[in-house]
Structures are given as C-alpha cells and as structure tokens.
Amino acid sequence: MNFLRGLAEGMDFYRDEKNKDAVLRFLGEFYKSNNTEELDETRRVYTQVTPGLPIVTVKAMENMINSDRALSTMNINGADVVDLSFLQKLEEERRTKR
C-alpha cells in the first residue's frame, strides 16, 4: 500500500502545474537533456495519458500476457494474476481525504 500511495502521490505531483519547473528539472536529469521544449512536451503528454491512480486492468494484463512470447504459451488468465484490492483501497482512501 505504501508503494501505491507513493506512486499516486508522485503522479499527482507530476501533473500539478505548480510543480512544472521541478518536473522539467527531474525529467532533464533522467533523460540527460536540457531541451526544455522536448521535456515540456514529454511532461504534457504523460500528464494527459496518466490517470489519477496507477490503474491496472485485467484487460491490460491480458494484453501484456498475449504480447509476450513466453507468457502467451502458458495459458495464463489475466484475472488470475491481478489483485485490484490494493488499488480499490487506495481509491477509497483518496476519496475520503478529499
């Protein structure tokens, strides 16, 4: 739960406009770049495509299994390997905080 809380808080930090300069600095360090236009575009795109919570779906897990050469031959069902209870608990915690 602590990992998921930290991940969700990091995602919130990343998307918050008031943290834009810090995020661009972190991205620049990570990508070893000082091209602010590219870093800003990276931040903008990821801000749009990342949800408020680190959500994993059964369908996403099945897609990952099917796209992996070794896993796709093992007859693994996505629903059998995904435990969404942690995400549901995190969602409830965040809902009650607001």
PDB file of N, CA and C in Angstrom:
ATOM      1  N   MET A   1       0.830  -1.192   0.000  1.00  0.00           N
ATOM      2  CA  MET A   1       0.000   0.000   0.000  1.00  0.00           C
ATOM      3  C   MET A   1       0.874   1.254   0.000  1.00  0.00           C
ATOM      4  N   ASN A   2       1.970   1.221   0.752  1.00  0.00           N
ATOM      5  CA  ASN A   2       2.832   2.406   0.791  1.00  0.00           C
ATOM      6  C   ASN A   2       3.412   2.708  -0.587  1.00  0.00           C
ATOM      7  N   PHE A   3       3.791   1.656  -1.322  1.00  0.00           N
ATOM      8  CA  PHE A   3       4.303   1.863  -2.673  1.00  0.00           C
ATOM      9  C   PHE A   3       3.238   2.511  -3.556  1.00  0.00           C
ATOM     10  N   LEU A   4       2.014   2.000  -3.511  1.00  0.00           N
ATOM     11  CA  LEU A   4       0.940   2.563  -4.328  1.00  0.00           C
ATOM     12  C   LEU A   4       0.604   3.990  -3.920  1.00  0.00           C
ATOM     13  N   ARG A   5       0.628   4.257  -2.626  1.00  0.00           N
ATOM     14  CA  ARG A   5       0.393   5.633  -2.164  1.00  0.00           C
ATOM     15  C   ARG A   5       1.460   6.569  -2.726  1.00  0.00           C
ATOM     16  N   GLY A   6       2.715   6.157  -2.626  1.00  0.00           N
ATOM     17  CA  GLY A   6       3.811   6.975  -3.139  1.00  0.00           C
ATOM     18  C   GLY A   6       3.722   7.178  -4.637  1.00  0.00           C
ATOM     19  N   LEU A   7       3.365   6.127  -5.358  1.00  0.00           N
ATOM     20  CA  LEU A   7       3.220   6.229  -6.806  1.00  0.00           C
ATOM     21  C   LEU A   7       2.111   7.194  -7.181  1.00  0.00           C
ATOM     22  N   ALA A   8       0.980   7.096  -6.498  1.00  0.00           N
ATOM     23  CA  ALA A   8      -0.143   8.003  -6.769  1.00  0.00           C
ATOM     24  C   ALA A   8       0.222   9.443  -6.428  1.00  0.00           C
ATOM     25  N   GLU A   9       0.921   9.644  -5.320  1.00  0.00           N
ATOM     26  CA  GLU A   9       1.338  10.999  -4.944  1.00  0.00           C
ATOM     27  C   GLU A   9       2.324  11.556  -5.964  1.00  0.00           C
ATOM     28  N   GLY A  10       3.225  10.710  -6.452  1.00  0.00           N
ATOM     29  CA  GLY A  10       4.162  11.137  -7.482  1.00  0.00           C
ATOM     30  C   GLY A  10       3.449  11.529  -8.764  1.00  0.00           C
ATOM     31  N   MET A  11       2.415  10.775  -9.125  1.00  0.00           N
ATOM     32  CA  MET A  11       1.634  11.094 -10.318  1.00  0.00           C
ATOM     33  C   MET A  11       0.907  12.426 -10.137  1.00  0.00           C
ATOM     34  N   ASP A  12       0.387  12.664  -8.937  1.00  0.00           N
ATOM     35  CA  ASP A  12      -0.262  13.945  -8.645  1.00  0.00           C
ATOM     36  C   ASP A  12       0.740  15.089  -8.754  1.00  0.00           C
ATOM     37  N   PHE A  13       1.926  14.880  -8.195  1.00  0.00           N
ATOM     38  CA  PHE A  13       2.981  15.898  -8.249  1.00  0.00           C
ATOM     39  C   PHE A  13       3.323  16.215  -9.703  1.00  0.00           C
ATOM     40  N   TYR A  14       3.476  15.189 -10.492  1.00  0.00           N
ATOM     41  CA  TYR A  14       3.857  15.318 -11.903  1.00  0.00           C
ATOM     42  C   TYR A  14       2.833  16.134 -12.683  1.00  0.00           C
ATOM     43  N   ARG A  15       1.566  15.904 -12.419  1.00  0.00           N
ATOM     44  CA  ARG A  15       0.511  16.577 -13.182  1.00  0.00           C
ATOM     45  C   ARG A  15       0.207  17.981 -12.685  1.00  0.00           C
ATOM     46  N   ASP A  16       0.606  18.329 -11.482  1.00  0.00           N
ATOM     47  CA  ASP A  16       0.281  19.634 -10.903  1.00  0.00           C
ATOM     48  C   ASP A  16       1.133  20.738 -11.552  1.00  0.00           C
ATOM     49  N   GLU A  17       0.455  21.734 -12.113  1.00  0.00           N
ATOM     50  CA  GLU A  17       1.146  22.828 -12.815  1.00  0.00           C
ATOM     51  C   GLU A  17       2.140  23.569 -11.926  1.00  0.00           C
ATOM     52  N   LYS A  18       1.864  23.673 -10.648  1.00  0.00           N
ATOM     53  CA  LYS A  18       2.776  24.421  -9.775  1.00  0.00           C
ATOM     54  C   LYS A  18       4.118  23.705  -9.622  1.00  0.00           C
ATOM     55  N   ASN A  19       4.180  22.426  -9.978  1.00  0.00           N
ATOM     56  CA  ASN A  19       5.426  21.661  -9.893  1.00  0.00           C
ATOM     57  C   ASN A  19       6.136  21.538 -11.237  1.00  0.00           C
ATOM     58  N   LYS A  20       5.654  22.247 -12.239  1.00  0.00           N
ATOM     59  CA  LYS A  20       6.161  22.090 -13.601  1.00  0.00           C
ATOM     60  C   LYS A  20       7.679  22.260 -13.682  1.00  0.00           C
ATOM     61  N   ASP A  21       8.224  23.309 -13.066  1.00  0.00           N
ATOM     62  CA  ASP A  21       9.666  23.547 -13.146  1.00  0.00           C
ATOM     63  C   ASP A  21      10.463  22.402 -12.529  1.00  0.00           C
ATOM     64  N   ALA A  22      10.016  21.914 -11.376  1.00  0.00           N
ATOM     65  CA  ALA A  22      10.709  20.801 -10.731  1.00  0.00           C
ATOM     66  C   ALA A  22      10.623  19.543 -11.593  1.00  0.00           C
ATOM     67  N   VAL A  23       9.457  19.289 -12.164  1.00  0.00           N
ATOM     68  CA  VAL A  23       9.273  18.102 -13.008  1.00  0.00           C
ATOM     69  C   VAL A  23      10.182  18.188 -14.228  1.00  0.00           C
ATOM     70  N   LEU A  24      10.258  19.360 -14.849  1.00  0.00           N
ATOM     71  CA  LEU A  24      11.130  19.521 -16.017  1.00  0.00           C
ATOM     72  C   LEU A  24      12.593  19.295 -15.630  1.00  0.00           C
ATOM     73  N   ARG A  25      12.976  19.759 -14.448  1.00  0.00           N
ATOM     74  CA  ARG A  25      14.346  19.544 -13.978  1.00  0.00           C
ATOM     75  C   ARG A  25      14.603  18.046 -13.776  1.00  0.00           C
ATOM     76  N   PHE A  26      13.655  17.346 -13.139  1.00  0.00           N
ATOM     77  CA  PHE A  26      13.809  15.902 -12.923  1.00  0.00           C
ATOM     78  C   PHE A  26      13.852  15.143 -14.250  1.00  0.00           C
ATOM     79  N   LEU A  27      12.972  15.522 -15.173  1.00  0.00           N
ATOM     80  CA  LEU A  27      12.970  14.876 -16.486  1.00  0.00           C
ATOM     81  C   LEU A  27      14.296  15.112 -17.203  1.00  0.00           C
ATOM     82  N   GLY A  28      14.810  16.337 -17.104  1.00  0.00           N
ATOM     83  CA  GLY A  28      16.083  16.661 -17.733  1.00  0.00           C
ATOM     84  C   GLY A  28      17.215  15.808 -17.189  1.00  0.00           C
ATOM     85  N   GLU A  29      17.209  15.587 -15.879  1.00  0.00           N
ATOM     86  CA  GLU A  29      18.223  14.732 -15.269  1.00  0.00           C
ATOM     87  C   GLU A  29      18.058  13.293 -15.739  1.00  0.00           C
ATOM     88  N   PHE A  30      16.821  12.821 -15.764  1.00  0.00           N
ATOM     89  CA  PHE A  30      16.560  11.437 -16.151  1.00  0.00           C
ATOM     90  C   PHE A  30      16.940  11.188 -17.606  1.00  0.00           C
ATOM     91  N   TYR A  31      16.519  12.085 -18.492  1.00  0.00           N
ATOM     92  CA  TYR A  31      16.778  11.913 -19.926  1.00  0.00           C
ATOM     93  C   TYR A  31      18.112  12.497 -20.361  1.00  0.00           C
ATOM     94  N   LYS A  32      18.841  13.100 -19.416  1.00  0.00           N
ATOM     95  CA  LYS A  32      20.122  13.737 -19.722  1.00  0.00           C
ATOM     96  C   LYS A  32      19.962  14.718 -20.882  1.00  0.00           C
ATOM     97  N   SER A  33      19.011  15.628 -20.682  1.00  0.00           N
ATOM     98  CA  SER A  33      18.681  16.604 -21.721  1.00  0.00           C
ATOM     99  C   SER A  33      18.386  17.945 -21.067  1.00  0.00           C
ATOM    100  N   ASN A  34      18.690  18.998 -21.796  1.00  0.00           N
ATOM    101  CA  ASN A  34      18.310  20.334 -21.336  1.00  0.00           C
ATOM    102  C   ASN A  34      17.428  21.026 -22.369  1.00  0.00           C
ATOM    103  N   ASN A  35      16.867  20.250 -23.288  1.00  0.00           N
ATOM    104  CA  ASN A  35      15.962  20.778 -24.299  1.00  0.00           C
ATOM    105  C   ASN A  35      14.588  20.959 -23.651  1.00  0.00           C
ATOM    106  N   THR A  36      14.324  22.168 -23.185  1.00  0.00           N
ATOM    107  CA  THR A  36      13.097  22.409 -22.425  1.00  0.00           C
ATOM    108  C   THR A  36      11.840  22.191 -23.249  1.00  0.00           C
ATOM    109  N   GLU A  37      11.901  22.440 -24.554  1.00  0.00           N
ATOM    110  CA  GLU A  37      10.706  22.205 -25.380  1.00  0.00           C
ATOM    111  C   GLU A  37      10.351  20.720 -25.405  1.00  0.00           C
ATOM    112  N   GLU A  38      11.340  19.860 -25.595  1.00  0.00           N
ATOM    113  CA  GLU A  38      11.079  18.419 -25.623  1.00  0.00           C
ATOM    114  C   GLU A  38      10.651  17.909 -24.243  1.00  0.00           C
ATOM    115  N   LEU A  39      11.307  18.405 -23.206  1.00  0.00           N
ATOM    116  CA  LEU A  39      10.945  17.980 -21.854  1.00  0.00           C
ATOM    117  C   LEU A  39       9.533  18.422 -21.500  1.00  0.00           C
ATOM    118  N   ASP A  40       9.171  19.632 -21.900  1.00  0.00           N
ATOM    119  CA  ASP A  40       7.820  20.125 -21.630  1.00  0.00           C
ATOM    120  C   ASP A  40       6.781  19.307 -22.399  1.00  0.00           C
ATOM    121  N   GLU A  41       7.112  18.943 -23.627  1.00  0.00           N
ATOM    122  CA  GLU A  41       6.192  18.110 -24.422  1.00  0.00           C
ATOM    123  C   GLU A  41       6.048  16.731 -23.782  1.00  0.00           C
ATOM    124  N   THR A  42       7.147  16.173 -23.291  1.00  0.00           N
ATOM    125  CA  THR A  42       7.100  14.879 -22.608  1.00  0.00           C
ATOM    126  C   THR A  42       6.189  14.971 -21.394  1.00  0.00           C
ATOM    127  N   ARG A  43       6.372  16.010 -20.597  1.00  0.00           N
ATOM    128  CA  ARG A  43       5.532  16.207 -19.416  1.00  0.00           C
ATOM    129  C   ARG A  43       4.070  16.380 -19.803  1.00  0.00           C
ATOM    130  N   ARG A  44       3.810  17.161 -20.832  1.00  0.00           N
ATOM    131  CA  ARG A  44       2.441  17.417 -21.268  1.00  0.00           C
ATOM    132  C   ARG A  44       1.758  16.116 -21.695  1.00  0.00           C
ATOM    133  N   VAL A  45       2.442  15.322 -22.500  1.00  0.00           N
ATOM    134  CA  VAL A  45       1.853  14.071 -22.992  1.00  0.00           C
ATOM    135  C   VAL A  45       1.594  13.109 -21.841  1.00  0.00           C
ATOM    136  N   TYR A  46       2.582  12.908 -20.981  1.00  0.00           N
ATOM    137  CA  TYR A  46       2.389  11.983 -19.865  1.00  0.00           C
ATOM    138  C   TYR A  46       1.327  12.475 -18.899  1.00  0.00           C
ATOM    139  N   THR A  47       1.205  13.778 -18.753  1.00  0.00           N
ATOM    140  CA  THR A  47       0.162  14.326 -17.885  1.00  0.00           C
ATOM    141  C   THR A  47      -1.218  13.967 -18.419  1.00  0.00           C
ATOM    142  N   GLN A  48      -1.345  13.952 -19.740  1.00  0.00           N
ATOM    143  CA  GLN A  48      -2.632  13.640 -20.348  1.00  0.00           C
ATOM    144  C   GLN A  48      -2.954  12.148 -20.315  1.00  0.00           C
ATOM    145  N   VAL A  49      -1.938  11.306 -20.405  1.00  0.00           N
ATOM    146  CA  VAL A  49      -2.209   9.871 -20.527  1.00  0.00           C
ATOM    147  C   VAL A  49      -2.156   9.121 -19.205  1.00  0.00           C
ATOM    148  N   THR A  50      -1.669   9.755 -18.132  1.00  0.00           N
ATOM    149  CA  THR A  50      -1.643   9.063 -16.848  1.00  0.00           C
ATOM    150  C   THR A  50      -2.883   9.429 -16.043  1.00  0.00           C
ATOM    151  N   PRO A  51      -3.578   8.433 -15.526  1.00  0.00           N
ATOM    152  CA  PRO A  51      -4.776   8.701 -14.742  1.00  0.00           C
ATOM    153  C   PRO A  51      -4.407   9.182 -13.343  1.00  0.00           C
ATOM    154  N   GLY A  52      -5.394   9.461 -12.552  1.00  0.00           N
ATOM    155  CA  GLY A  52      -5.158   9.914 -11.190  1.00  0.00           C
ATOM    156  C   GLY A  52      -4.633   8.828 -10.277  1.00  0.00           C
ATOM    157  N   LEU A  53      -4.820   7.584 -10.659  1.00  0.00           N
ATOM    158  CA  LEU A  53      -4.317   6.457  -9.882  1.00  0.00           C
ATOM    159  C   LEU A  53      -3.542   5.528 -10.812  1.00  0.00           C
ATOM    160  N   PRO A  54      -2.582   4.792 -10.257  1.00  0.00           N
ATOM    161  CA  PRO A  54      -1.838   3.826 -11.079  1.00  0.00           C
ATOM    162  C   PRO A  54      -2.704   2.600 -11.354  1.00  0.00           C
ATOM    163  N   ILE A  55      -3.603   2.726 -12.297  1.00  0.00           N
ATOM    164  CA  ILE A  55      -4.611   1.695 -12.536  1.00  0.00           C
ATOM    165  C   ILE A  55      -4.085   0.594 -13.453  1.00  0.00           C
ATOM    166  N   VAL A  56      -4.322  -0.624 -13.027  1.00  0.00           N
ATOM    167  CA  VAL A  56      -4.037  -1.806 -13.831  1.00  0.00           C
ATOM    168  C   VAL A  56      -5.371  -2.500 -14.024  1.00  0.00           C
ATOM    169  N   THR A  57      -5.639  -2.899 -15.238  1.00  0.00           N
ATOM    170  CA  THR A  57      -6.890  -3.609 -15.507  1.00  0.00           C
ATOM    171  C   THR A  57      -6.591  -5.047 -15.921  1.00  0.00           C
ATOM    172  N   VAL A  58      -7.585  -5.878 -15.790  1.00  0.00           N
ATOM    173  CA  VAL A  58      -7.442  -7.265 -16.226  1.00  0.00           C
ATOM    174  C   VAL A  58      -7.151  -7.290 -17.720  1.00  0.00           C
ATOM    175  N   LYS A  59      -7.820  -6.444 -18.478  1.00  0.00           N
ATOM    176  CA  LYS A  59      -7.599  -6.400 -19.928  1.00  0.00           C
ATOM    177  C   LYS A  59      -6.154  -6.003 -20.248  1.00  0.00           C
ATOM    178  N   ALA A  60      -5.614  -5.023 -19.522  1.00  0.00           N
ATOM    179  CA  ALA A  60      -4.223  -4.613 -19.747  1.00  0.00           C
ATOM    180  C   ALA A  60      -3.272  -5.772 -19.448  1.00  0.00           C
ATOM    181  N   MET A  61      -3.550  -6.507 -18.377  1.00  0.00           N
ATOM    182  CA  MET A  61      -2.705  -7.659 -18.028  1.00  0.00           C
ATOM    183  C   MET A  61      -2.802  -8.736 -19.102  1.00  0.00           C
ATOM    184  N   GLU A  62      -4.003  -8.974 -19.606  1.00  0.00           N
ATOM    185  CA  GLU A  62      -4.171  -9.967 -20.670  1.00  0.00           C
ATOM    186  C   GLU A  62      -3.439  -9.538 -21.937  1.00  0.00           C
ATOM    187  N   ASN A  63      -3.488  -8.259 -22.258  1.00  0.00           N
ATOM    188  CA  ASN A  63      -2.756  -7.758 -23.426  1.00  0.00           C
ATOM    189  C   ASN A  63      -1.259  -7.967 -23.263  1.00  0.00           C
ATOM    190  N   MET A  64      -0.743  -7.710 -22.056  1.00  0.00           N
ATOM    191  CA  MET A  64       0.678  -7.898 -21.791  1.00  0.00           C
ATOM    192  C   MET A  64       1.057  -9.371 -21.914  1.00  0.00           C
ATOM    193  N   ILE A  65       0.232 -10.241 -21.357  1.00  0.00           N
ATOM    194  CA  ILE A  65       0.497 -11.680 -21.427  1.00  0.00           C
ATOM    195  C   ILE A  65       0.494 -12.142 -22.885  1.00  0.00           C
ATOM    196  N   ASN A  66      -0.500 -11.698 -23.640  1.00  0.00           N
ATOM    197  CA  ASN A  66      -0.615 -12.114 -25.035  1.00  0.00           C
ATOM    198  C   ASN A  66       0.518 -11.586 -25.912  1.00  0.00           C
ATOM    199  N   SER A  67       1.096 -10.451 -25.534  1.00  0.00           N
ATOM    200  CA  SER A  67       2.162  -9.874 -26.354  1.00  0.00           C
ATOM    201  C   SER A  67       3.541 -10.435 -26.019  1.00  0.00           C
ATOM    202  N   ASP A  68       3.657 -11.179 -24.941  1.00  0.00           N
ATOM    203  CA  ASP A  68       4.929 -11.766 -24.544  1.00  0.00           C
ATOM    204  C   ASP A  68       5.031 -13.179 -25.113  1.00  0.00           C
ATOM    205  N   ARG A  69       6.106 -13.445 -25.801  1.00  0.00           N
ATOM    206  CA  ARG A  69       6.278 -14.735 -26.475  1.00  0.00           C
ATOM    207  C   ARG A  69       6.199 -15.909 -25.497  1.00  0.00           C
ATOM    208  N   ALA A  70       6.880 -15.821 -24.383  1.00  0.00           N
ATOM    209  CA  ALA A  70       6.901 -16.934 -23.437  1.00  0.00           C
ATOM    210  C   ALA A  70       5.582 -17.044 -22.671  1.00  0.00           C
ATOM    211  N   LEU A  71       5.079 -15.920 -22.170  1.00  0.00           N
ATOM    212  CA  LEU A  71       3.848 -15.954 -21.373  1.00  0.00           C
ATOM    213  C   LEU A  71       2.634 -16.375 -22.192  1.00  0.00           C
ATOM    214  N   SER A  72       2.616 -15.992 -23.450  1.00  0.00           N
ATOM    215  CA  SER A  72       1.445 -16.303 -24.278  1.00  0.00           C
ATOM    216  C   SER A  72       1.254 -17.797 -24.489  1.00  0.00           C
ATOM    217  N   THR A  73       2.298 -18.575 -24.296  1.00  0.00           N
ATOM    218  CA  THR A  73       2.176 -20.033 -24.472  1.00  0.00           C
ATOM    219  C   THR A  73       1.813 -20.747 -23.171  1.00  0.00           C
ATOM    220  N   MET A  74       1.688 -20.018 -22.070  1.00  0.00           N
ATOM    221  CA  MET A  74       1.491 -20.642 -20.760  1.00  0.00           C
ATOM    222  C   MET A  74       0.037 -20.730 -20.325  1.00  0.00           C
ATOM    223  N   ASN A  75      -0.884 -20.291 -21.145  1.00  0.00           N
ATOM    224  CA  ASN A  75      -2.311 -20.371 -20.825  1.00  0.00           C
ATOM    225  C   ASN A  75      -2.622 -19.690 -19.484  1.00  0.00           C
ATOM    226  N   ILE A  76      -2.121 -18.453 -19.329  1.00  0.00           N
ATOM    227  CA  ILE A  76      -2.338 -17.677 -18.106  1.00  0.00           C
ATOM    228  C   ILE A  76      -3.537 -16.766 -18.320  1.00  0.00           C
ATOM    229  N   ASN A  77      -4.414 -16.731 -17.353  1.00  0.00           N
ATOM    230  CA  ASN A  77      -5.584 -15.858 -17.393  1.00  0.00           C
ATOM    231  C   ASN A  77      -5.257 -14.580 -16.615  1.00  0.00           C
ATOM    232  N   GLY A  78      -5.454 -13.423 -17.231  1.00  0.00           N
ATOM    233  CA  GLY A  78      -5.152 -12.147 -16.592  1.00  0.00           C
ATOM    234  C   GLY A  78      -5.856 -11.969 -15.268  1.00  0.00           C
ATOM    235  N   ALA A  79      -7.081 -12.424 -15.159  1.00  0.00           N
ATOM    236  CA  ALA A  79      -7.845 -12.275 -13.918  1.00  0.00           C
ATOM    237  C   ALA A  79      -7.241 -13.086 -12.774  1.00  0.00           C
ATOM    238  N   ASP A  80      -6.481 -14.120 -13.111  1.00  0.00           N
ATOM    239  CA  ASP A  80      -5.873 -14.956 -12.078  1.00  0.00           C
ATOM    240  C   ASP A  80      -4.609 -14.336 -11.479  1.00  0.00           C
ATOM    241  N   VAL A  81      -4.041 -13.347 -12.138  1.00  0.00           N
ATOM    242  CA  VAL A  81      -2.784 -12.764 -11.655  1.00  0.00           C
ATOM    243  C   VAL A  81      -2.914 -11.311 -11.219  1.00  0.00           C
ATOM    244  N   VAL A  82      -4.116 -10.745 -11.302  1.00  0.00           N
ATOM    245  CA  VAL A  82      -4.321  -9.347 -10.930  1.00  0.00           C
ATOM    246  C   VAL A  82      -5.135  -9.279  -9.642  1.00  0.00           C
ATOM    247  N   ASP A  83      -4.587  -8.564  -8.663  1.00  0.00           N
ATOM    248  CA  ASP A  83      -5.296  -8.321  -7.409  1.00  0.00           C
ATOM    249  C   ASP A  83      -5.561  -6.824  -7.328  1.00  0.00           C
ATOM    250  N   LEU A  84      -6.774  -6.414  -7.603  1.00  0.00           N
ATOM    251  CA  LEU A  84      -7.123  -4.999  -7.631  1.00  0.00           C
ATOM    252  C   LEU A  84      -7.531  -4.459  -6.266  1.00  0.00           C
ATOM    253  N   SER A  85      -7.480  -5.280  -5.235  1.00  0.00           N
ATOM    254  CA  SER A  85      -7.930  -4.841  -3.911  1.00  0.00           C
ATOM    255  C   SER A  85      -7.085  -3.686  -3.381  1.00  0.00           C
ATOM    256  N   PHE A  86      -5.796  -3.680  -3.681  1.00  0.00           N
ATOM    257  CA  PHE A  86      -4.940  -2.585  -3.221  1.00  0.00           C
ATOM    258  C   PHE A  86      -5.329  -1.266  -3.877  1.00  0.00           C
ATOM    259  N   LEU A  87      -5.589  -1.318  -5.168  1.00  0.00           N
ATOM    260  CA  LEU A  87      -5.996  -0.101  -5.873  1.00  0.00           C
ATOM    261  C   LEU A  87      -7.361   0.381  -5.399  1.00  0.00           C
ATOM    262  N   GLN A  88      -8.253  -0.546  -5.140  1.00  0.00           N
ATOM    263  CA  GLN A  88      -9.571  -0.165  -4.634  1.00  0.00           C
ATOM    264  C   GLN A  88      -9.455   0.486  -3.258  1.00  0.00           C
ATOM    265  N   LYS A  89      -8.586  -0.048  -2.413  1.00  0.00           N
ATOM    266  CA  LYS A  89      -8.374   0.534  -1.085  1.00  0.00           C
ATOM    267  C   LYS A  89      -7.756   1.923  -1.213  1.00  0.00           C
ATOM    268  N   LEU A  90      -6.790   2.085  -2.101  1.00  0.00           N
ATOM    269  CA  LEU A  90      -6.159   3.385  -2.324  1.00  0.00           C
ATOM    270  C   LEU A  90      -7.172   4.400  -2.840  1.00  0.00           C
ATOM    271  N   GLU A  91      -7.997   3.981  -3.763  1.00  0.00           N
ATOM    272  CA  GLU A  91      -9.025   4.867  -4.302  1.00  0.00           C
ATOM    273  C   GLU A  91      -9.974   5.335  -3.196  1.00  0.00           C
ATOM    274  N   GLU A  92     -10.362   4.419  -2.334  1.00  0.00           N
ATOM    275  CA  GLU A  92     -11.248   4.772  -1.218  1.00  0.00           C
ATOM    276  C   GLU A  92     -10.553   5.732  -0.255  1.00  0.00           C
ATOM    277  N   GLU A  93      -9.280   5.469   0.057  1.00  0.00           N
ATOM    278  CA  GLU A  93      -8.524   6.376   0.934  1.00  0.00           C
ATOM    279  C   GLU A  93      -8.485   7.787   0.371  1.00  0.00           C
ATOM    280  N   ARG A  94      -8.195   7.889  -0.921  1.00  0.00           N
ATOM    281  CA  ARG A  94      -8.075   9.208  -1.552  1.00  0.00           C
ATOM    282  C   ARG A  94      -9.413   9.906  -1.638  1.00  0.00           C
ATOM    283  N   ARG A  95     -10.477   9.148  -1.818  1.00  0.00           N
ATOM    284  CA  ARG A  95     -11.813   9.724  -1.889  1.00  0.00           C
ATOM    285  C   ARG A  95     -12.212  10.310  -0.532  1.00  0.00           C
ATOM    286  N   THR A  96     -11.876   9.615   0.553  1.00  0.00           N
ATOM    287  CA  THR A  96     -12.244  10.099   1.877  1.00  0.00           C
ATOM    288  C   THR A  96     -11.374  11.274   2.313  1.00  0.00           C
ATOM    289  N   LYS A  97     -10.149  11.392   1.777  1.00  0.00           N
ATOM    290  CA  LYS A  97      -9.284  12.531   2.101  1.00  0.00           C
ATOM    291  C   LYS A  97      -9.822  13.825   1.513  1.00  0.00           C
ATOM    292  N   ARG A  98     -10.437  13.739   0.357  1.00  0.00           N
ATOM    293  CA  ARG A  98     -10.954  14.931  -0.322  1.00  0.00           C
ATOM    294  C   ARG A  98     -12.255  15.275   0.253  1.00  0.00           C
TER     295      ARG A  98
END
